[in-house]
Amino acid sequence: MTQQLSILVQTPAHSQVAGTLSYLSELALAPGTLVRVPLGRRETLGIVWDAASHTLAEVDASRLRRSPAHSTPWRR
């Protein structure tokens, strides 16, 4: 089942991309999980976030890599 994930990524201030980005994934990833996601023509490090998003991108599940989830206090 496809899920929408809110991913927080670091972007340059001049990029006009703010907040979290949404990606579709077949993987169920917990908030706090570090992932590599496509952003433009490159891949960047992101973290699965609790917040809603405004931008939607289709992601091949094979491009997401799991790592242990970070706790809620760590994400605050």
C-alpha atoms as a PDB file:
ATOM      1  CA  MET A   1       0.000   0.000   0.000  1.00  0.00           C
ATOM      2  CA  THR A   2       1.387   3.392  -0.987  1.00  0.00           C
ATOM      3  CA  GLN A   3       1.861   5.871   1.839  1.00  0.00           C
ATOM      4  CA  GLN A   4       2.525   9.602   1.796  1.00  0.00           C
ATOM      5  CA  LEU A   5       5.573  10.529   3.872  1.00  0.00           C
ATOM      6  CA  SER A   6       6.460  14.030   5.051  1.00  0.00           C
ATOM      7  CA  ILE A   7      10.220  14.423   4.679  1.00  0.00           C
ATOM      8  CA  LEU A   8      12.241  17.309   6.075  1.00  0.00           C
ATOM      9  CA  VAL A   9      15.288  18.156   3.937  1.00  0.00           C
ATOM     10  CA  GLN A  10      17.848  20.941   4.062  1.00  0.00           C
ATOM     11  CA  THR A  11      17.527  23.345   1.129  1.00  0.00           C
ATOM     12  CA  PRO A  12      19.257  26.635   0.300  1.00  0.00           C
ATOM     13  CA  ALA A  13      17.364  29.725   1.484  1.00  0.00           C
ATOM     14  CA  HIS A  14      17.172  31.068  -2.087  1.00  0.00           C
ATOM     15  CA  SER A  15      15.446  27.879  -3.349  1.00  0.00           C
ATOM     16  CA  GLN A  16      11.987  28.950  -2.107  1.00  0.00           C
ATOM     17  CA  VAL A  17      11.424  25.372  -0.894  1.00  0.00           C
ATOM     18  CA  ALA A  18      10.344  25.459   2.741  1.00  0.00           C
ATOM     19  CA  GLY A  19       8.808  23.053   5.200  1.00  0.00           C
ATOM     20  CA  THR A  20       8.485  19.359   4.583  1.00  0.00           C
ATOM     21  CA  LEU A  21       8.186  17.672   1.210  1.00  0.00           C
ATOM     22  CA  SER A  22       5.818  14.775   0.559  1.00  0.00           C
ATOM     23  CA  TYR A  23       6.956  11.569  -1.074  1.00  0.00           C
ATOM     24  CA  LEU A  24       4.950   8.463  -1.932  1.00  0.00           C
ATOM     25  CA  SER A  25       6.487   5.203  -0.739  1.00  0.00           C
ATOM     26  CA  GLU A  26       5.610   1.542  -0.435  1.00  0.00           C
ATOM     27  CA  LEU A  27       7.607   1.482   2.815  1.00  0.00           C
ATOM     28  CA  ALA A  28       5.994   2.331   6.152  1.00  0.00           C
ATOM     29  CA  LEU A  29       8.645   4.487   7.839  1.00  0.00           C
ATOM     30  CA  ALA A  30       8.337   5.861  11.368  1.00  0.00           C
ATOM     31  CA  PRO A  31       8.852   9.573  12.089  1.00  0.00           C
ATOM     32  CA  GLY A  32      12.524  10.135  12.837  1.00  0.00           C
ATOM     33  CA  THR A  33      13.782   7.683  10.214  1.00  0.00           C
ATOM     34  CA  LEU A  34      16.673   9.008   8.122  1.00  0.00           C
ATOM     35  CA  VAL A  35      16.208   8.521   4.368  1.00  0.00           C
ATOM     36  CA  ARG A  36      17.873   9.514   1.101  1.00  0.00           C
ATOM     37  CA  VAL A  37      15.382  11.107  -1.270  1.00  0.00           C
ATOM     38  CA  PRO A  38      15.582  12.595  -4.760  1.00  0.00           C
ATOM     39  CA  LEU A  39      15.548  16.399  -4.859  1.00  0.00           C
ATOM     40  CA  GLY A  40      15.841  17.846  -8.330  1.00  0.00           C
ATOM     41  CA  ARG A  41      18.731  16.128 -10.109  1.00  0.00           C
ATOM     42  CA  ARG A  42      20.391  14.909  -6.915  1.00  0.00           C
ATOM     43  CA  GLU A  43      19.759  12.799  -3.844  1.00  0.00           C
ATOM     44  CA  THR A  44      19.779  14.373  -0.407  1.00  0.00           C
ATOM     45  CA  LEU A  45      19.485  13.244   3.183  1.00  0.00           C
ATOM     46  CA  GLY A  46      16.093  13.737   4.800  1.00  0.00           C
ATOM     47  CA  ILE A  47      14.215  12.712   7.909  1.00  0.00           C
ATOM     48  CA  VAL A  48      10.650  11.412   8.071  1.00  0.00           C
ATOM     49  CA  TRP A  49       8.660  14.092   9.914  1.00  0.00           C
ATOM     50  CA  ASP A  50       5.270  14.300  11.633  1.00  0.00           C
ATOM     51  CA  ALA A  51       4.132  17.461   9.809  1.00  0.00           C
ATOM     52  CA  ALA A  52       1.929  17.738   6.724  1.00  0.00           C
ATOM     53  CA  SER A  53       3.416  18.817   3.427  1.00  0.00           C
ATOM     54  CA  HIS A  54       2.636  20.908   0.365  1.00  0.00           C
ATOM     55  CA  THR A  55       4.760  19.343  -2.393  1.00  0.00           C
ATOM     56  CA  LEU A  56       4.218  15.817  -3.713  1.00  0.00           C
ATOM     57  CA  ALA A  57       6.821  13.670  -5.476  1.00  0.00           C
ATOM     58  CA  GLU A  58       6.594  10.046  -6.598  1.00  0.00           C
ATOM     59  CA  VAL A  59       9.515   8.009  -5.247  1.00  0.00           C
ATOM     60  CA  ASP A  60      10.612   4.526  -6.189  1.00  0.00           C
ATOM     61  CA  ALA A  61      10.724   2.585  -2.894  1.00  0.00           C
ATOM     62  CA  SER A  62      14.118   1.167  -3.838  1.00  0.00           C
ATOM     63  CA  ARG A  63      15.564   4.701  -3.546  1.00  0.00           C
ATOM     64  CA  LEU A  64      14.622   4.980   0.142  1.00  0.00           C
ATOM     65  CA  ARG A  65      17.063   3.493   2.617  1.00  0.00           C
ATOM     66  CA  ARG A  66      16.109   2.690   6.211  1.00  0.00           C
ATOM     67  CA  SER A  67      17.963   3.665   9.343  1.00  0.00           C
ATOM     68  CA  PRO A  68      16.816   3.461  12.976  1.00  0.00           C
ATOM     69  CA  ALA A  69      14.030   5.923  13.838  1.00  0.00           C
ATOM     70  CA  HIS A  70      14.908   8.918  16.024  1.00  0.00           C
ATOM     71  CA  SER A  71      12.761   9.531  19.092  1.00  0.00           C
ATOM     72  CA  THR A  72      10.140  12.271  19.393  1.00  0.00           C
ATOM     73  CA  PRO A  73      12.290  14.378  21.795  1.00  0.00           C
ATOM     74  CA  TRP A  74      15.148  14.287  19.272  1.00  0.00           C
ATOM     75  CA  ARG A  75      12.860  15.715  16.562  1.00  0.00           C
ATOM     76  CA  ARG A  76      11.653  18.631  18.718  1.00  0.00           C
END
